[in-house]
Amino acid sequence: MLMTIRILVADDHPVVRRGLKNLLGRHPGWEVIDEAEDGVEAVEKASRLLPDIIVLDITMPKMNGLEACRRIRKPAPACEILFLTQHDSPQMMREAIEAGGRGYVVKSSAARTLLPAVEALSRHESFPGPRHHRRRAG
């Protein structure tokens, strides 16, 4: 029997949340169980619902995603956190991983990388992992 992967989506833009819910919800075995519009709500819902995966934006009101991730780690240590952000920066990626994130996807490449990232986290693998490093054009 296939276990359902329960996903919480946290982003301050309603259109992004709706798009993620639509995209992720169509994948067999995945269910978007709720959404949050800021970091405080993400922490509260993660603590209460204990999702398998949280897709978490970094730049959000009330509490940013990095702080939310640190706070989610205590009540939900088994939850995998995937940062989905506009910040295409190695420094920000390092901070996200140090905060407890398992994956990092830049919104500009999400069409190509979001589903493989959620798939990797559902297997408790990091993303980008060794097989997912960016290839340089040249």
Protein backbone atom coordinates (compact mmCIF):
# COMPACT_ATOMS: atom_id res chain seq x y z
CA MET A 1 0.00 0.00 0.00
CA LEU A 2 1.37 3.39 -1.02
CA MET A 3 1.64 5.82 1.86
CA THR A 4 0.39 9.34 1.25
CA ILE A 5 2.99 12.08 1.58
CA ARG A 6 1.33 14.91 3.52
CA ILE A 7 2.53 18.39 2.47
CA LEU A 8 2.14 21.82 4.07
CA VAL A 9 2.69 24.81 1.75
CA ALA A 10 3.86 28.11 3.29
CA ASP A 11 4.18 31.23 1.11
CA ASP A 12 2.87 34.76 1.56
CA HIS A 13 1.52 34.98 -2.01
CA PRO A 14 -1.93 33.37 -2.47
CA VAL A 15 -1.33 32.70 -6.18
CA VAL A 16 1.90 30.82 -5.38
CA ARG A 17 0.15 28.73 -2.70
CA ARG A 18 -2.71 27.94 -5.09
CA GLY A 19 -0.29 26.95 -7.85
CA LEU A 20 1.75 24.74 -5.53
CA LYS A 21 -1.37 23.10 -4.13
CA ASN A 22 -2.60 22.38 -7.66
CA LEU A 23 0.76 21.07 -8.92
CA LEU A 24 1.68 18.97 -5.88
CA GLY A 25 -1.87 17.69 -5.35
CA ARG A 26 -1.96 16.13 -8.83
CA HIS A 27 1.02 13.91 -8.05
CA PRO A 28 -0.07 10.35 -7.09
CA GLY A 29 0.45 9.73 -3.39
CA TRP A 30 0.90 13.39 -2.42
CA GLU A 31 -1.67 15.49 -0.58
CA VAL A 32 -1.43 19.17 0.31
CA ILE A 33 -3.03 19.08 3.76
CA ASP A 34 -2.96 22.82 4.48
CA GLU A 35 -1.30 26.12 3.68
CA ALA A 36 0.18 29.00 5.65
CA GLU A 37 0.65 32.63 4.62
CA ASP A 38 3.42 33.58 7.06
CA GLY A 39 6.11 32.04 9.25
CA VAL A 40 4.09 32.15 12.47
CA GLU A 41 1.21 30.27 10.84
CA ALA A 42 3.66 27.77 9.31
CA VAL A 43 5.12 26.94 12.74
CA GLU A 44 1.67 26.60 14.32
CA LYS A 45 0.31 24.35 11.54
CA ALA A 46 3.47 22.25 11.32
CA SER A 47 3.35 21.65 15.09
CA ARG A 48 -0.32 20.70 14.99
CA LEU A 49 -0.52 18.74 11.71
CA LEU A 50 2.97 17.14 11.64
CA PRO A 51 3.22 17.02 7.81
CA ASP A 52 5.82 14.84 6.10
CA ILE A 53 7.12 17.75 4.00
CA ILE A 54 6.83 21.52 4.26
CA VAL A 55 7.41 23.67 1.19
CA LEU A 56 8.55 26.90 2.83
CA ASP A 57 9.29 30.34 1.41
CA ILE A 58 12.12 32.32 3.04
CA THR A 59 10.79 35.87 2.68
CA MET A 60 7.48 36.00 4.57
CA PRO A 61 5.85 38.45 7.01
CA LYS A 62 5.75 38.03 10.82
CA MET A 63 8.56 35.45 10.78
CA ASN A 64 10.87 34.52 7.91
CA GLY A 65 11.23 30.97 6.68
CA LEU A 66 14.66 30.43 8.22
CA GLU A 67 13.39 31.20 11.73
CA ALA A 68 10.20 29.22 11.09
CA CYS A 69 12.33 26.23 10.05
CA ARG A 70 14.38 26.43 13.27
CA ARG A 71 11.18 26.54 15.33
CA ILE A 72 9.49 23.71 13.41
CA ARG A 73 12.47 21.41 14.08
CA LYS A 74 11.58 21.11 17.80
CA PRO A 75 7.95 19.85 17.65
CA ALA A 76 8.32 18.13 14.25
CA PRO A 77 11.88 16.78 13.94
CA ALA A 78 10.90 14.15 11.35
CA CYS A 79 9.36 16.72 9.01
CA GLU A 80 11.38 17.41 5.86
CA ILE A 81 11.62 21.09 4.93
CA LEU A 82 12.04 22.23 1.34
CA PHE A 83 12.81 25.90 0.85
CA LEU A 84 11.22 27.36 -2.27
CA THR A 85 12.59 30.86 -2.68
CA GLN A 86 13.48 33.68 -5.04
CA HIS A 87 16.99 33.87 -3.50
CA ASP A 88 19.45 32.28 -5.94
CA SER A 89 22.41 32.59 -3.61
CA PRO A 90 24.90 30.02 -2.26
CA GLN A 91 25.02 31.96 1.02
CA MET A 92 21.22 31.81 1.43
CA MET A 93 21.25 28.10 0.56
CA ARG A 94 23.87 27.50 3.28
CA GLU A 95 21.76 29.42 5.80
CA ALA A 96 18.67 27.40 4.83
CA ILE A 97 20.47 24.08 5.31
CA GLU A 98 21.99 25.27 8.60
CA ALA A 99 18.49 26.24 9.79
CA GLY A 100 17.38 22.63 9.24
CA GLY A 101 16.17 22.58 5.65
CA ARG A 102 16.72 19.44 3.62
CA GLY A 103 16.15 20.98 0.20
CA TYR A 104 16.48 24.27 -1.66
CA VAL A 105 14.70 25.23 -4.88
CA VAL A 106 14.86 28.64 -6.55
CA LYS A 107 11.44 29.77 -7.82
CA SER A 108 12.85 30.65 -11.26
CA SER A 109 13.80 26.96 -11.77
CA ALA A 110 10.84 25.44 -9.89
CA ALA A 111 9.10 24.23 -13.06
CA ARG A 112 12.04 21.89 -13.60
CA THR A 113 13.18 21.12 -10.04
CA LEU A 114 10.21 21.29 -7.63
CA LEU A 115 8.78 17.81 -8.25
CA PRO A 116 12.20 16.06 -8.17
CA ALA A 117 12.97 17.96 -4.95
CA VAL A 118 9.75 16.86 -3.22
CA GLU A 119 10.36 13.33 -4.49
CA ALA A 120 13.88 13.34 -2.97
CA LEU A 121 12.65 14.66 0.37
CA SER A 122 9.87 12.06 0.44
CA ARG A 123 12.73 9.48 0.44
CA HIS A 124 14.54 11.47 3.18
CA GLU A 125 17.26 12.56 0.73
CA SER A 126 18.53 16.10 0.43
CA PHE A 127 18.03 18.25 -2.67
CA PRO A 128 20.09 19.22 -4.44
CA GLY A 129 21.89 16.02 -3.55
CA PRO A 130 24.99 14.59 -5.23
CA ARG A 131 22.98 13.62 -8.34
CA HIS A 132 21.27 17.01 -8.66
CA HIS A 133 24.13 19.50 -8.80
CA ARG A 134 23.69 22.23 -11.35
CA ARG A 135 25.46 21.72 -14.63
CA ARG A 136 27.23 24.79 -15.85
CA ALA A 137 26.55 25.90 -19.39
CA GLY A 138 29.68 26.43 -21.37
